[in-house]
Amino acid sequence: MYIRIKNLREDRDYNQSQISRYLNCSQSTYSRIESGIQDVPTQFLKKLAKLYGVTTDFLLEMDKE
């Protein structure tokens, strides 16, 4: 999931600072999320899915089933 979130960000030419502002969190918090050190809060998953035009299932890699 974390690699997918990072790839979506990079594919759309966003930096971590821009996404952290969108999520209303610190850049270091977002960096820990993207690195897999910190779990992704549900509200962040929903906002990221909306931003990237994907489903939360896609972000959670549940689309592979």
PDB file of N, CA and C in Angstrom:
ATOM      1  N   MET A   1       0.821  -1.186   0.000  1.00  0.00           N
ATOM      2  CA  MET A   1       0.000   0.000   0.000  1.00  0.00           C
ATOM      3  C   MET A   1       0.869   1.255   0.000  1.00  0.00           C
ATOM      4  N   TYR A   2       1.918   1.251   0.768  1.00  0.00           N
ATOM      5  CA  TYR A   2       2.739   2.458   0.906  1.00  0.00           C
ATOM      6  C   TYR A   2       3.443   2.803  -0.403  1.00  0.00           C
ATOM      7  N   ILE A   3       3.892   1.776  -1.105  1.00  0.00           N
ATOM      8  CA  ILE A   3       4.534   2.007  -2.400  1.00  0.00           C
ATOM      9  C   ILE A   3       3.524   2.564  -3.392  1.00  0.00           C
ATOM     10  N   ARG A   4       2.310   2.045  -3.348  1.00  0.00           N
ATOM     11  CA  ARG A   4       1.260   2.522  -4.248  1.00  0.00           C
ATOM     12  C   ARG A   4       0.957   3.997  -3.982  1.00  0.00           C
ATOM     13  N   ILE A   5       0.866   4.370  -2.719  1.00  0.00           N
ATOM     14  CA  ILE A   5       0.590   5.764  -2.363  1.00  0.00           C
ATOM     15  C   ILE A   5       1.726   6.668  -2.851  1.00  0.00           C
ATOM     16  N   LYS A   6       2.954   6.211  -2.661  1.00  0.00           N
ATOM     17  CA  LYS A   6       4.102   6.996  -3.118  1.00  0.00           C
ATOM     18  C   LYS A   6       4.116   7.114  -4.640  1.00  0.00           C
ATOM     19  N   ASN A   7       3.849   6.007  -5.327  1.00  0.00           N
ATOM     20  CA  ASN A   7       3.846   6.034  -6.790  1.00  0.00           C
ATOM     21  C   ASN A   7       2.773   6.964  -7.342  1.00  0.00           C
ATOM     22  N   LEU A   8       1.593   6.953  -6.737  1.00  0.00           N
ATOM     23  CA  LEU A   8       0.527   7.856  -7.177  1.00  0.00           C
ATOM     24  C   LEU A   8       0.957   9.310  -7.010  1.00  0.00           C
ATOM     25  N   ARG A   9       1.578   9.610  -5.894  1.00  0.00           N
ATOM     26  CA  ARG A   9       2.045  10.981  -5.648  1.00  0.00           C
ATOM     27  C   ARG A   9       3.077  11.391  -6.695  1.00  0.00           C
ATOM     28  N   GLU A  10       4.047  10.529  -6.910  1.00  0.00           N
ATOM     29  CA  GLU A  10       5.113  10.853  -7.862  1.00  0.00           C
ATOM     30  C   GLU A  10       4.594  10.932  -9.296  1.00  0.00           C
ATOM     31  N   ASP A  11       3.668  10.035  -9.664  1.00  0.00           N
ATOM     32  CA  ASP A  11       3.103  10.050 -11.016  1.00  0.00           C
ATOM     33  C   ASP A  11       2.370  11.351 -11.320  1.00  0.00           C
ATOM     34  N   ARG A  12       1.860  11.981 -10.282  1.00  0.00           N
ATOM     35  CA  ARG A  12       1.108  13.224 -10.459  1.00  0.00           C
ATOM     36  C   ARG A  12       1.944  14.466 -10.128  1.00  0.00           C
ATOM     37  N   ASP A  13       3.232  14.251  -9.967  1.00  0.00           N
ATOM     38  CA  ASP A  13       4.184  15.347  -9.717  1.00  0.00           C
ATOM     39  C   ASP A  13       3.871  16.175  -8.474  1.00  0.00           C
ATOM     40  N   TYR A  14       3.393  15.507  -7.428  1.00  0.00           N
ATOM     41  CA  TYR A  14       3.227  16.157  -6.129  1.00  0.00           C
ATOM     42  C   TYR A  14       4.459  15.855  -5.284  1.00  0.00           C
ATOM     43  N   ASN A  15       4.780  16.752  -4.369  1.00  0.00           N
ATOM     44  CA  ASN A  15       5.819  16.429  -3.395  1.00  0.00           C
ATOM     45  C   ASN A  15       5.146  16.145  -2.051  1.00  0.00           C
ATOM     46  N   GLN A  16       5.909  15.621  -1.115  1.00  0.00           N
ATOM     47  CA  GLN A  16       5.342  15.248   0.181  1.00  0.00           C
ATOM     48  C   GLN A  16       4.763  16.451   0.913  1.00  0.00           C
ATOM     49  N   SER A  17       5.377  17.587   0.760  1.00  0.00           N
ATOM     50  CA  SER A  17       4.894  18.792   1.424  1.00  0.00           C
ATOM     51  C   SER A  17       3.502  19.182   0.929  1.00  0.00           C
ATOM     52  N   GLN A  18       3.284  19.090  -0.366  1.00  0.00           N
ATOM     53  CA  GLN A  18       1.970  19.418  -0.928  1.00  0.00           C
ATOM     54  C   GLN A  18       0.896  18.470  -0.401  1.00  0.00           C
ATOM     55  N   ILE A  19       1.213  17.192  -0.347  1.00  0.00           N
ATOM     56  CA  ILE A  19       0.234  16.208   0.125  1.00  0.00           C
ATOM     57  C   ILE A  19      -0.015  16.378   1.614  1.00  0.00           C
ATOM     58  N   SER A  20       1.019  16.655   2.369  1.00  0.00           N
ATOM     59  CA  SER A  20       0.820  16.844   3.813  1.00  0.00           C
ATOM     60  C   SER A  20      -0.068  18.056   4.080  1.00  0.00           C
ATOM     61  N   ARG A  21       0.075  19.101   3.291  1.00  0.00           N
ATOM     62  CA  ARG A  21      -0.820  20.263   3.442  1.00  0.00           C
ATOM     63  C   ARG A  21      -2.257  19.882   3.103  1.00  0.00           C
ATOM     64  N   TYR A  22      -2.441  19.112   2.045  1.00  0.00           N
ATOM     65  CA  TYR A  22      -3.776  18.654   1.647  1.00  0.00           C
ATOM     66  C   TYR A  22      -4.416  17.816   2.757  1.00  0.00           C
ATOM     67  N   LEU A  23      -3.604  16.991   3.413  1.00  0.00           N
ATOM     68  CA  LEU A  23      -4.109  16.130   4.486  1.00  0.00           C
ATOM     69  C   LEU A  23      -4.160  16.843   5.831  1.00  0.00           C
ATOM     70  N   ASN A  24      -3.600  18.031   5.877  1.00  0.00           N
ATOM     71  CA  ASN A  24      -3.538  18.811   7.121  1.00  0.00           C
ATOM     72  C   ASN A  24      -2.737  18.076   8.201  1.00  0.00           C
ATOM     73  N   CYS A  25      -1.554  17.620   7.798  1.00  0.00           N
ATOM     74  CA  CYS A  25      -0.638  16.978   8.744  1.00  0.00           C
ATOM     75  C   CYS A  25       0.762  17.502   8.451  1.00  0.00           C
ATOM     76  N   SER A  26       1.689  17.188   9.311  1.00  0.00           N
ATOM     77  CA  SER A  26       3.066  17.627   9.077  1.00  0.00           C
ATOM     78  C   SER A  26       3.695  16.794   7.960  1.00  0.00           C
ATOM     79  N   GLN A  27       4.715  17.361   7.344  1.00  0.00           N
ATOM     80  CA  GLN A  27       5.421  16.638   6.293  1.00  0.00           C
ATOM     81  C   GLN A  27       6.097  15.402   6.861  1.00  0.00           C
ATOM     82  N   SER A  28       6.592  15.489   8.085  1.00  0.00           N
ATOM     83  CA  SER A  28       7.250  14.327   8.693  1.00  0.00           C
ATOM     84  C   SER A  28       6.247  13.208   8.960  1.00  0.00           C
ATOM     85  N   THR A  29       5.030  13.558   9.350  1.00  0.00           N
ATOM     86  CA  THR A  29       3.991  12.537   9.539  1.00  0.00           C
ATOM     87  C   THR A  29       3.689  11.856   8.218  1.00  0.00           C
ATOM     88  N   TYR A  30       3.526  12.651   7.170  1.00  0.00           N
ATOM     89  CA  TYR A  30       3.238  12.061   5.869  1.00  0.00           C
ATOM     90  C   TYR A  30       4.405  11.190   5.393  1.00  0.00           C
ATOM     91  N   SER A  31       5.614  11.611   5.633  1.00  0.00           N
ATOM     92  CA  SER A  31       6.784  10.826   5.254  1.00  0.00           C
ATOM     93  C   SER A  31       6.787   9.472   5.962  1.00  0.00           C
ATOM     94  N   ARG A  32       6.439   9.468   7.245  1.00  0.00           N
ATOM     95  CA  ARG A  32       6.373   8.204   7.996  1.00  0.00           C
ATOM     96  C   ARG A  32       5.267   7.303   7.455  1.00  0.00           C
ATOM     97  N   ILE A  33       4.159   7.897   7.049  1.00  0.00           N
ATOM     98  CA  ILE A  33       3.069   7.115   6.455  1.00  0.00           C
ATOM     99  C   ILE A  33       3.538   6.486   5.151  1.00  0.00           C
ATOM    100  N   GLU A  34       4.141   7.287   4.295  1.00  0.00           N
ATOM    101  CA  GLU A  34       4.582   6.816   2.987  1.00  0.00           C
ATOM    102  C   GLU A  34       5.697   5.780   3.103  1.00  0.00           C
ATOM    103  N   SER A  35       6.460   5.834   4.176  1.00  0.00           N
ATOM    104  CA  SER A  35       7.544   4.872   4.403  1.00  0.00           C
ATOM    105  C   SER A  35       7.056   3.598   5.078  1.00  0.00           C
ATOM    106  N   GLY A  36       5.804   3.590   5.506  1.00  0.00           N
ATOM    107  CA  GLY A  36       5.257   2.410   6.172  1.00  0.00           C
ATOM    108  C   GLY A  36       5.562   2.351   7.649  1.00  0.00           C
ATOM    109  N   ILE A  37       6.122   3.410   8.199  1.00  0.00           N
ATOM    110  CA  ILE A  37       6.461   3.459   9.621  1.00  0.00           C
ATOM    111  C   ILE A  37       5.216   3.726  10.453  1.00  0.00           C
ATOM    112  N   GLN A  38       4.305   4.496   9.889  1.00  0.00           N
ATOM    113  CA  GLN A  38       3.083   4.880  10.594  1.00  0.00           C
ATOM    114  C   GLN A  38       1.881   4.425   9.777  1.00  0.00           C
ATOM    115  N   ASP A  39       0.847   3.920  10.444  1.00  0.00           N
ATOM    116  CA  ASP A  39      -0.377   3.521   9.758  1.00  0.00           C
ATOM    117  C   ASP A  39      -1.073   4.729   9.150  1.00  0.00           C
ATOM    118  N   VAL A  40      -1.803   4.474   8.085  1.00  0.00           N
ATOM    119  CA  VAL A  40      -2.542   5.538   7.410  1.00  0.00           C
ATOM    120  C   VAL A  40      -3.913   5.678   8.066  1.00  0.00           C
ATOM    121  N   PRO A  41      -4.211   6.833   8.648  1.00  0.00           N
ATOM    122  CA  PRO A  41      -5.547   7.029   9.217  1.00  0.00           C
ATOM    123  C   PRO A  41      -6.624   6.924   8.131  1.00  0.00           C
ATOM    124  N   THR A  42      -7.777   6.413   8.509  1.00  0.00           N
ATOM    125  CA  THR A  42      -8.875   6.225   7.563  1.00  0.00           C
ATOM    126  C   THR A  42      -9.229   7.508   6.826  1.00  0.00           C
ATOM    127  N   GLN A  43      -9.272   8.623   7.546  1.00  0.00           N
ATOM    128  CA  GLN A  43      -9.639   9.875   6.876  1.00  0.00           C
ATOM    129  C   GLN A  43      -8.601  10.275   5.834  1.00  0.00           C
ATOM    130  N   PHE A  44      -7.339   9.926   6.049  1.00  0.00           N
ATOM    131  CA  PHE A  44      -6.302  10.205   5.053  1.00  0.00           C
ATOM    132  C   PHE A  44      -6.507   9.325   3.820  1.00  0.00           C
ATOM    133  N   LEU A  45      -6.837   8.051   4.033  1.00  0.00           N
ATOM    134  CA  LEU A  45      -7.086   7.150   2.906  1.00  0.00           C
ATOM    135  C   LEU A  45      -8.198   7.694   2.023  1.00  0.00           C
ATOM    136  N   LYS A  46      -9.268   8.146   2.643  1.00  0.00           N
ATOM    137  CA  LYS A  46     -10.403   8.679   1.885  1.00  0.00           C
ATOM    138  C   LYS A  46     -10.007   9.917   1.096  1.00  0.00           C
ATOM    139  N   LYS A  47      -9.247  10.802   1.724  1.00  0.00           N
ATOM    140  CA  LYS A  47      -8.828  12.031   1.042  1.00  0.00           C
ATOM    141  C   LYS A  47      -7.849  11.727  -0.096  1.00  0.00           C
ATOM    142  N   LEU A  48      -6.932  10.793   0.127  1.00  0.00           N
ATOM    143  CA  LEU A  48      -5.984  10.428  -0.928  1.00  0.00           C
ATOM    144  C   LEU A  48      -6.705   9.777  -2.101  1.00  0.00           C
ATOM    145  N   ALA A  49      -7.662   8.908  -1.812  1.00  0.00           N
ATOM    146  CA  ALA A  49      -8.436   8.265  -2.878  1.00  0.00           C
ATOM    147  C   ALA A  49      -9.154   9.317  -3.716  1.00  0.00           C
ATOM    148  N   LYS A  50      -9.737  10.292  -3.058  1.00  0.00           N
ATOM    149  CA  LYS A  50     -10.443  11.357  -3.776  1.00  0.00           C
ATOM    150  C   LYS A  50      -9.470  12.178  -4.618  1.00  0.00           C
ATOM    151  N   LEU A  51      -8.339  12.554  -4.037  1.00  0.00           N
ATOM    152  CA  LEU A  51      -7.342  13.347  -4.751  1.00  0.00           C
ATOM    153  C   LEU A  51      -6.847  12.635  -6.005  1.00  0.00           C
ATOM    154  N   TYR A  52      -6.562  11.336  -5.883  1.00  0.00           N
ATOM    155  CA  TYR A  52      -5.980  10.581  -6.984  1.00  0.00           C
ATOM    156  C   TYR A  52      -7.020   9.950  -7.909  1.00  0.00           C
ATOM    157  N   GLY A  53      -8.305  10.038  -7.549  1.00  0.00           N
ATOM    158  CA  GLY A  53      -9.346   9.467  -8.399  1.00  0.00           C
ATOM    159  C   GLY A  53      -9.345   7.952  -8.418  1.00  0.00           C
ATOM    160  N   VAL A  54      -9.036   7.360  -7.274  1.00  0.00           N
ATOM    161  CA  VAL A  54      -9.025   5.903  -7.136  1.00  0.00           C
ATOM    162  C   VAL A  54      -9.894   5.527  -5.936  1.00  0.00           C
ATOM    163  N   THR A  55     -10.103   4.237  -5.748  1.00  0.00           N
ATOM    164  CA  THR A  55     -10.869   3.777  -4.593  1.00  0.00           C
ATOM    165  C   THR A  55      -9.936   3.514  -3.416  1.00  0.00           C
ATOM    166  N   THR A  56     -10.525   3.482  -2.236  1.00  0.00           N
ATOM    167  CA  THR A  56      -9.720   3.112  -1.067  1.00  0.00           C
ATOM    168  C   THR A  56      -9.266   1.662  -1.189  1.00  0.00           C
ATOM    169  N   ASP A  57     -10.076   0.807  -1.817  1.00  0.00           N
ATOM    170  CA  ASP A  57      -9.656  -0.579  -2.043  1.00  0.00           C
ATOM    171  C   ASP A  57      -8.387  -0.627  -2.888  1.00  0.00           C
ATOM    172  N   PHE A  58      -8.292   0.241  -3.883  1.00  0.00           N
ATOM    173  CA  PHE A  58      -7.089   0.303  -4.712  1.00  0.00           C
ATOM    174  C   PHE A  58      -5.886   0.694  -3.862  1.00  0.00           C
ATOM    175  N   LEU A  59      -6.054   1.706  -3.015  1.00  0.00           N
ATOM    176  CA  LEU A  59      -4.950   2.136  -2.154  1.00  0.00           C
ATOM    177  C   LEU A  59      -4.527   1.027  -1.203  1.00  0.00           C
ATOM    178  N   LEU A  60      -5.503   0.275  -0.709  1.00  0.00           N
ATOM    179  CA  LEU A  60      -5.222  -0.807   0.235  1.00  0.00           C
ATOM    180  C   LEU A  60      -4.785  -2.087  -0.466  1.00  0.00           C
ATOM    181  N   GLU A  61      -4.708  -2.032  -1.801  1.00  0.00           N
ATOM    182  CA  GLU A  61      -4.320  -3.161  -2.646  1.00  0.00           C
ATOM    183  C   GLU A  61      -5.279  -4.327  -2.513  1.00  0.00           C
ATOM    184  N   MET A  62      -6.547  -4.021  -2.260  1.00  0.00           N
ATOM    185  CA  MET A  62      -7.570  -5.059  -2.185  1.00  0.00           C
ATOM    186  C   MET A  62      -8.130  -5.368  -3.570  1.00  0.00           C
ATOM    187  N   ASP A  63      -7.686  -4.637  -4.575  1.00  0.00           N
ATOM    188  CA  ASP A  63      -8.139  -4.856  -5.946  1.00  0.00           C
ATOM    189  C   ASP A  63      -7.471  -6.072  -6.578  1.00  0.00           C
ATOM    190  N   LYS A  64      -6.514  -6.674  -5.894  1.00  0.00           N
ATOM    191  CA  LYS A  64      -5.773  -7.818  -6.437  1.00  0.00           C
ATOM    192  C   LYS A  64      -6.512  -9.135  -6.257  1.00  0.00           C
ATOM    193  N   GLU A  65      -7.574  -9.117  -5.457  1.00  0.00           N
ATOM    194  CA  GLU A  65      -8.290 -10.365  -5.163  1.00  0.00           C
ATOM    195  C   GLU A  65      -9.143 -10.808  -6.321  1.00  0.00           C
TER     196      GLU A  65
END
